[in-house]
Amino acid sequence: MRRPWHAMTVEEVLNELKTSLKGLSSREASARLQEYGPNELEETKKRGVLEVFVDQFKSVLVALLVFAAVFSILIREYVDAAAIGAILIVNSILGTIQEYRAERALEALKRLAAPRATVIRDGVQVKIASTEVVPGDVIVLQAGDRVPADARLIESVNLKVDESVLTGESVPVEKLADVVLDEDTPLPERKNMVYSSTIVTYGRGKAVVVGTGMNTEIGRIAAMVQLEEKEETPLQRRLDSFGKKLGAFILLLTALVTVEGIYELGGLESLSVLEEVVLTGISLAVSAVPEGLPAVVTVVLAIGVQRMASRNAIVRRLAA
């Protein structure tokens, strides 16, 4: 199994990638572009606004509120129905706004990509579109450049890079080409590596590209952002558990009130009496539904998400 790039010497990296300090030939670069594909982030199918909105209703607690609203209409309690409906709509709109913003997070990541890159091809420095950079290319970096791909440094002169997009660390990191690090060195401490979408703030250097497109650290973030999350979060499980228990309580309370009503009346004299008793039981049970809970939870989560967003965190789902 190959060692991580940061744990290999420059010579080992060059040999592994079948390249040299003079870079690739134009023919070889073209062949590798066909093999690895363009150096860009791939986009999976995004959820539309309507789909995101509908997803806000996929919880037991919200289903109970929908039932409560419908029942309120049936018994002509229109004010209660309107209040519950308003809460449901506000709750869903807040959730939709936040989650749809997160759905568009990949576009923000794409804007971080370098538009052009300086590489050595056929032994000569040339500028190319960053999408044409391939593994094995030798890239030339200087202050102000945005790194076009993940790369192992082969030369560095007072090089410093802003990696806040990956690590959150606002202080530029000093980079050194002539060090070999332990395999388990964490990303923020890999001084001999530069990463796609980070910015050179000082000095200059050269590096051999080891990963492009989705095979970069920023690509892994993009993949995680687009990952379809099927597993419920702990908060979702707790709310659903609460909703199921509440639903069971409503059924039990309805049954008890119905039986008690029949007992008090000394039996059923007509179908209308049964209907009245059942409606009374359901009305009492529905009154136990906490209409404001989903909205309160959504508002609190939205505040938390905004605070995290101010620190460049991406939250796809409020309940996460």
Protein backbone atom coordinates (compact mmCIF):
# COMPACT_ATOMS: atom_id res chain seq x y z
CA MET A 1 0.00 0.00 0.00
CA ARG A 2 1.37 3.39 -1.02
CA ARG A 3 2.42 5.78 1.73
CA PRO A 4 0.76 9.21 1.96
CA TRP A 5 2.37 11.84 -0.24
CA HIS A 6 3.59 13.89 2.71
CA ALA A 7 5.48 10.85 4.03
CA MET A 8 7.44 10.41 0.78
CA THR A 9 10.58 12.13 -0.46
CA VAL A 10 10.44 14.32 -3.57
CA GLU A 11 12.19 11.60 -5.59
CA GLU A 12 9.69 8.98 -4.45
CA VAL A 13 6.75 11.19 -5.38
CA LEU A 14 8.18 11.93 -8.82
CA ASN A 15 8.81 8.24 -9.45
CA GLU A 16 5.34 7.27 -8.24
CA LEU A 17 3.73 9.78 -10.61
CA LYS A 18 6.10 8.98 -13.48
CA THR A 19 7.12 12.61 -13.91
CA SER A 20 10.21 14.79 -13.38
CA LEU A 21 11.28 18.25 -12.27
CA LYS A 22 10.87 19.32 -15.91
CA GLY A 23 7.18 18.49 -15.77
CA LEU A 24 5.13 16.51 -18.27
CA SER A 25 5.18 16.62 -22.02
CA SER A 26 2.12 18.07 -23.74
CA ARG A 27 1.27 14.66 -25.15
CA GLU A 28 1.49 12.95 -21.74
CA ALA A 29 -0.55 15.73 -20.12
CA SER A 30 -3.26 15.28 -22.75
CA ALA A 31 -3.34 11.53 -22.13
CA ARG A 32 -3.63 12.05 -18.38
CA LEU A 33 -6.42 14.57 -18.85
CA GLN A 34 -8.35 11.85 -20.68
CA GLU A 35 -7.55 9.36 -17.91
CA TYR A 36 -8.29 11.49 -14.84
CA GLY A 37 -10.79 13.96 -16.26
CA PRO A 38 -10.86 17.74 -15.84
CA ASN A 39 -9.63 19.32 -12.63
CA GLU A 40 -13.01 20.49 -11.36
CA LEU A 41 -15.59 19.62 -8.74
CA GLU A 42 -18.37 17.33 -9.90
CA GLU A 43 -21.97 18.11 -9.11
CA THR A 44 -24.66 15.55 -8.35
CA LYS A 45 -28.38 16.14 -8.79
CA LYS A 46 -29.58 18.90 -6.47
CA ARG A 47 -32.91 18.93 -4.67
CA GLY A 48 -35.32 21.57 -5.90
CA VAL A 49 -36.98 24.10 -3.61
CA LEU A 50 -40.28 22.18 -3.67
CA GLU A 51 -38.57 18.91 -2.71
CA VAL A 52 -36.73 20.60 0.16
CA PHE A 53 -40.02 22.17 1.33
CA VAL A 54 -41.89 18.84 1.27
CA ASP A 55 -39.08 17.21 3.26
CA GLN A 56 -39.84 19.56 6.15
CA PHE A 57 -43.10 17.65 6.76
CA LYS A 58 -41.44 14.24 7.07
CA SER A 59 -41.54 13.89 10.84
CA VAL A 60 -44.01 12.30 13.24
CA LEU A 61 -44.46 15.51 15.25
CA VAL A 62 -45.27 17.58 12.17
CA ALA A 63 -47.68 14.87 11.01
CA LEU A 64 -49.50 15.17 14.34
CA LEU A 65 -49.76 18.93 13.84
CA VAL A 66 -51.17 18.42 10.35
CA PHE A 67 -53.74 16.04 11.83
CA ALA A 68 -54.55 18.59 14.54
CA ALA A 69 -55.06 21.31 11.91
CA VAL A 70 -57.33 19.12 9.77
CA PHE A 71 -59.34 18.02 12.79
CA SER A 72 -59.73 21.64 13.91
CA ILE A 73 -61.24 22.44 10.52
CA LEU A 74 -63.63 19.49 10.78
CA ILE A 75 -64.97 20.69 14.12
CA ARG A 76 -65.09 24.27 12.81
CA GLU A 77 -62.36 25.60 15.10
CA TYR A 78 -60.99 27.75 12.30
CA VAL A 79 -58.87 30.01 14.51
CA ASP A 80 -56.99 27.03 15.95
CA ALA A 81 -56.59 25.54 12.48
CA ALA A 82 -55.21 28.82 11.13
CA ALA A 83 -52.77 29.14 14.04
CA ILE A 84 -51.46 25.60 13.61
CA GLY A 85 -51.25 26.06 9.84
CA ALA A 86 -49.29 29.30 10.23
CA ILE A 87 -46.84 27.60 12.60
CA LEU A 88 -46.35 24.72 10.15
CA ILE A 89 -45.75 27.07 7.21
CA VAL A 90 -43.29 29.30 9.10
CA ASN A 91 -41.45 26.22 10.38
CA SER A 92 -41.21 24.76 6.87
CA ILE A 93 -40.13 28.04 5.27
CA LEU A 94 -37.31 28.52 7.79
CA GLY A 95 -36.10 24.97 7.26
CA THR A 96 -36.36 25.26 3.48
CA ILE A 97 -34.38 28.51 3.33
CA GLN A 98 -31.50 27.10 5.37
CA GLU A 99 -31.34 23.70 3.67
CA TYR A 100 -31.63 25.14 0.16
CA ARG A 101 -28.74 27.47 0.92
CA ALA A 102 -26.70 24.44 1.95
CA GLU A 103 -27.72 22.67 -1.27
CA ARG A 104 -25.98 25.49 -3.13
CA ALA A 105 -22.81 25.19 -1.05
CA LEU A 106 -21.02 23.41 -3.90
CA GLU A 107 -21.31 26.55 -6.00
CA ALA A 108 -19.46 28.43 -3.26
CA LEU A 109 -16.73 25.78 -3.26
CA LYS A 110 -16.43 26.03 -7.04
CA ARG A 111 -15.86 29.76 -6.78
CA LEU A 112 -12.78 29.05 -4.66
CA ALA A 113 -11.06 27.28 -7.56
CA ALA A 114 -8.13 28.93 -9.32
CA PRO A 115 -9.14 30.08 -12.83
CA ARG A 116 -5.65 29.56 -14.28
CA ALA A 117 -2.43 27.84 -13.30
CA THR A 118 1.25 28.12 -14.19
CA VAL A 119 2.76 24.73 -15.02
CA ILE A 120 5.92 23.37 -16.57
CA ARG A 121 5.13 21.56 -19.83
CA ASP A 122 7.85 20.32 -22.17
CA GLY A 123 10.35 22.01 -19.83
CA VAL A 124 8.78 25.46 -20.31
CA GLN A 125 6.57 27.50 -17.99
CA VAL A 126 3.11 28.03 -19.49
CA LYS A 127 -0.23 29.30 -18.22
CA ILE A 128 -3.20 26.99 -18.68
CA ALA A 129 -6.79 26.76 -17.47
CA SER A 130 -6.78 25.15 -14.04
CA THR A 131 -9.24 22.53 -15.32
CA GLU A 132 -6.41 21.18 -17.52
CA VAL A 133 -4.04 20.50 -14.61
CA VAL A 134 -3.35 16.76 -14.20
CA PRO A 135 -1.54 14.53 -11.68
CA GLY A 136 2.19 14.70 -12.38
CA ASP A 137 2.13 18.32 -13.52
CA VAL A 138 4.73 20.59 -11.93
CA ILE A 139 3.01 23.81 -10.88
CA VAL A 140 4.74 27.13 -10.18
CA LEU A 141 3.46 29.16 -7.23
CA GLN A 142 4.02 32.74 -6.10
CA ALA A 143 2.38 35.21 -3.73
CA GLY A 144 -1.22 35.91 -4.70
CA ASP A 145 -1.76 32.61 -6.52
CA ARG A 146 -4.59 30.28 -5.65
CA VAL A 147 -3.32 26.70 -5.59
CA PRO A 148 -4.98 24.81 -8.50
CA ALA A 149 -4.69 21.26 -7.10
CA ASP A 150 -3.34 19.20 -4.21
CA ALA A 151 0.43 18.96 -4.63
CA ARG A 152 3.68 17.88 -2.95
CA LEU A 153 6.23 20.70 -2.74
CA ILE A 154 9.51 20.15 -4.55
CA GLU A 155 10.89 23.64 -4.03
CA SER A 156 10.05 26.44 -1.58
CA VAL A 157 11.43 29.90 -0.84
CA ASN A 158 9.87 31.62 2.21
CA LEU A 159 6.58 30.07 1.16
CA LYS A 160 3.46 30.70 3.24
CA VAL A 161 -0.09 29.60 2.41
CA ASP A 162 -3.49 30.59 3.77
CA GLU A 163 -5.31 27.29 4.38
CA SER A 164 -8.30 28.71 6.27
CA VAL A 165 -10.71 27.32 3.67
CA LEU A 166 -9.70 23.81 4.79
CA THR A 167 -8.58 24.15 8.39
CA GLY A 168 -10.24 27.34 9.65
CA GLU A 169 -6.81 28.58 10.76
CA SER A 170 -6.54 32.26 9.84
CA VAL A 171 -2.74 32.47 10.20
CA PRO A 172 -0.81 31.56 7.00
CA VAL A 173 1.15 28.30 7.28
CA GLU A 174 4.87 28.11 6.53
CA LYS A 175 5.66 25.53 3.85
CA LEU A 176 8.89 23.55 3.40
CA ALA A 177 9.74 21.29 0.49
CA ASP A 178 12.67 19.44 2.03
CA VAL A 179 10.86 17.75 4.93
CA VAL A 180 9.40 14.24 5.10
CA LEU A 181 6.62 13.82 7.64
CA ASP A 182 5.11 10.93 9.57
CA GLU A 183 2.24 9.13 7.88
CA ASP A 184 -0.24 10.15 10.58
CA THR A 185 0.58 13.87 10.40
CA PRO A 186 -2.74 15.80 10.43
CA LEU A 187 -3.57 18.01 7.46
CA PRO A 188 -2.91 21.38 9.18
CA GLU A 189 0.66 20.25 9.96
CA ARG A 190 1.63 18.93 6.53
CA LYS A 191 4.25 21.55 5.75
CA ASN A 192 5.40 19.86 2.55
CA MET A 193 1.95 19.89 0.92
CA VAL A 194 -0.21 22.55 -0.69
CA TYR A 195 -3.92 22.10 -1.31
CA SER A 196 -6.41 23.12 -3.96
CA SER A 197 -8.22 26.45 -3.41
CA THR A 198 -5.78 27.66 -0.73
CA ILE A 199 -3.93 30.94 -1.32
CA VAL A 200 -0.19 31.66 -1.45
CA THR A 201 0.36 34.73 0.72
CA TYR A 202 4.14 34.98 0.68
CA GLY A 203 7.18 33.59 -1.12
CA ARG A 204 7.31 31.22 -4.04
CA GLY A 205 7.65 27.55 -4.80
CA LYS A 206 7.11 24.60 -7.10
CA ALA A 207 5.08 21.46 -6.48
CA VAL A 208 4.12 18.26 -8.25
CA VAL A 209 0.37 17.66 -8.49
CA VAL A 210 -0.82 14.55 -6.66
CA GLY A 211 -4.60 15.01 -6.83
CA THR A 212 -7.12 16.87 -8.97
CA GLY A 213 -10.87 17.42 -9.05
CA MET A 214 -12.76 15.30 -6.55
CA ASN A 215 -9.50 13.60 -5.52
CA THR A 216 -8.44 16.66 -3.53
CA GLU A 217 -9.16 17.73 0.03
CA ILE A 218 -11.62 20.36 -1.21
CA GLY A 219 -13.13 17.66 -3.44
CA ARG A 220 -13.73 15.46 -0.40
CA ILE A 221 -15.53 18.35 1.27
CA ALA A 222 -17.65 18.80 -1.87
CA ALA A 223 -18.50 15.08 -1.83
CA MET A 224 -19.56 15.29 1.82
CA VAL A 225 -21.69 18.37 1.12
CA GLN A 226 -23.54 16.49 -1.64
CA LEU A 227 -23.80 13.20 0.24
CA GLU A 228 -27.41 12.06 0.56
CA GLU A 229 -27.86 11.61 4.28
CA LYS A 230 -30.25 8.74 4.98
CA GLU A 231 -29.36 8.20 8.63
CA GLU A 232 -31.39 10.20 11.10
CA THR A 233 -29.60 12.53 13.47
CA PRO A 234 -29.92 12.08 17.27
CA LEU A 235 -32.22 15.12 17.42
CA GLN A 236 -34.48 13.70 14.72
CA ARG A 237 -34.65 10.36 16.52
CA ARG A 238 -35.60 12.06 19.79
CA LEU A 239 -38.27 14.24 18.17
CA ASP A 240 -39.72 11.26 16.29
CA SER A 241 -39.69 9.20 19.48
CA PHE A 242 -41.49 12.02 21.27
CA GLY A 243 -43.98 12.27 18.41
CA LYS A 244 -44.72 8.53 18.50
CA LYS A 245 -45.22 8.59 22.26
CA LEU A 246 -47.47 11.62 21.91
CA GLY A 247 -49.45 9.86 19.17
CA ALA A 248 -49.90 6.81 21.40
CA PHE A 249 -50.98 9.08 24.24
CA ILE A 250 -53.55 10.77 21.98
CA LEU A 251 -55.03 7.40 20.96
CA LEU A 252 -55.13 6.23 24.57
CA LEU A 253 -56.70 9.47 25.80
CA THR A 254 -59.29 9.37 23.03
CA ALA A 255 -60.21 5.80 23.94
CA LEU A 256 -60.41 6.58 27.66
CA VAL A 257 -62.56 9.68 27.17
CA THR A 258 -64.83 7.77 24.78
CA VAL A 259 -65.29 4.88 27.21
CA GLU A 260 -65.83 7.30 30.10
CA GLY A 261 -68.40 9.24 28.09
CA ILE A 262 -70.30 6.09 27.17
CA TYR A 263 -70.22 4.96 30.80
CA GLU A 264 -71.50 8.32 32.07
CA LEU A 265 -74.32 8.27 29.54
CA GLY A 266 -75.23 4.74 30.55
CA GLY A 267 -74.72 3.39 27.05
CA LEU A 268 -75.21 4.57 23.50
CA GLU A 269 -78.68 5.75 22.58
CA SER A 270 -77.77 6.83 19.06
CA LEU A 271 -74.95 7.17 16.59
CA SER A 272 -74.90 10.92 17.17
CA VAL A 273 -74.08 10.36 20.84
CA LEU A 274 -71.15 8.13 19.88
CA GLU A 275 -69.94 10.76 17.43
CA GLU A 276 -70.14 13.47 20.08
CA VAL A 277 -68.25 11.38 22.64
CA VAL A 278 -65.49 10.45 20.16
CA LEU A 279 -65.11 14.05 18.99
CA THR A 280 -64.84 15.20 22.59
CA GLY A 281 -62.10 12.64 23.22
CA ILE A 282 -60.17 13.62 20.11
CA SER A 283 -60.54 17.33 20.94
CA LEU A 284 -59.02 16.82 24.37
CA ALA A 285 -56.22 14.72 22.91
CA VAL A 286 -55.43 17.22 20.14
CA SER A 287 -55.19 20.00 22.70
CA ALA A 288 -52.21 18.13 24.15
CA VAL A 289 -50.21 18.56 20.93
CA PRO A 290 -47.48 21.22 21.46
CA GLU A 291 -48.13 23.34 18.37
CA GLY A 292 -45.20 25.67 18.97
CA LEU A 293 -42.52 23.02 19.57
CA PRO A 294 -41.41 22.48 15.92
CA ALA A 295 -41.20 26.23 15.34
CA VAL A 296 -39.21 26.79 18.53
CA VAL A 297 -36.81 23.97 17.63
CA THR A 298 -36.40 25.32 14.08
CA VAL A 299 -35.69 28.88 15.26
CA VAL A 300 -33.12 27.71 17.82
CA LEU A 301 -31.40 25.49 15.24
CA ALA A 302 -31.44 28.30 12.65
CA ILE A 303 -29.68 30.61 15.11
CA GLY A 304 -27.06 27.93 15.74
CA VAL A 305 -26.57 27.39 12.01
CA GLN A 306 -26.03 31.11 11.41
CA ARG A 307 -23.37 31.20 14.11
CA MET A 308 -21.63 28.20 12.54
CA ALA A 309 -21.90 29.75 9.08
CA SER A 310 -20.10 32.85 10.37
CA ARG A 311 -17.18 30.49 11.01
CA ASN A 312 -17.37 29.06 7.46
CA ALA A 313 -19.09 25.83 8.52
CA ILE A 314 -21.56 24.24 6.10
CA VAL A 315 -24.71 22.70 7.61
CA ARG A 316 -26.90 20.81 5.15
CA ARG A 317 -29.78 20.01 7.47
CA LEU A 318 -31.03 21.99 10.44
CA ALA A 319 -31.53 18.84 12.52
CA ALA A 320 -27.91 17.81 12.01
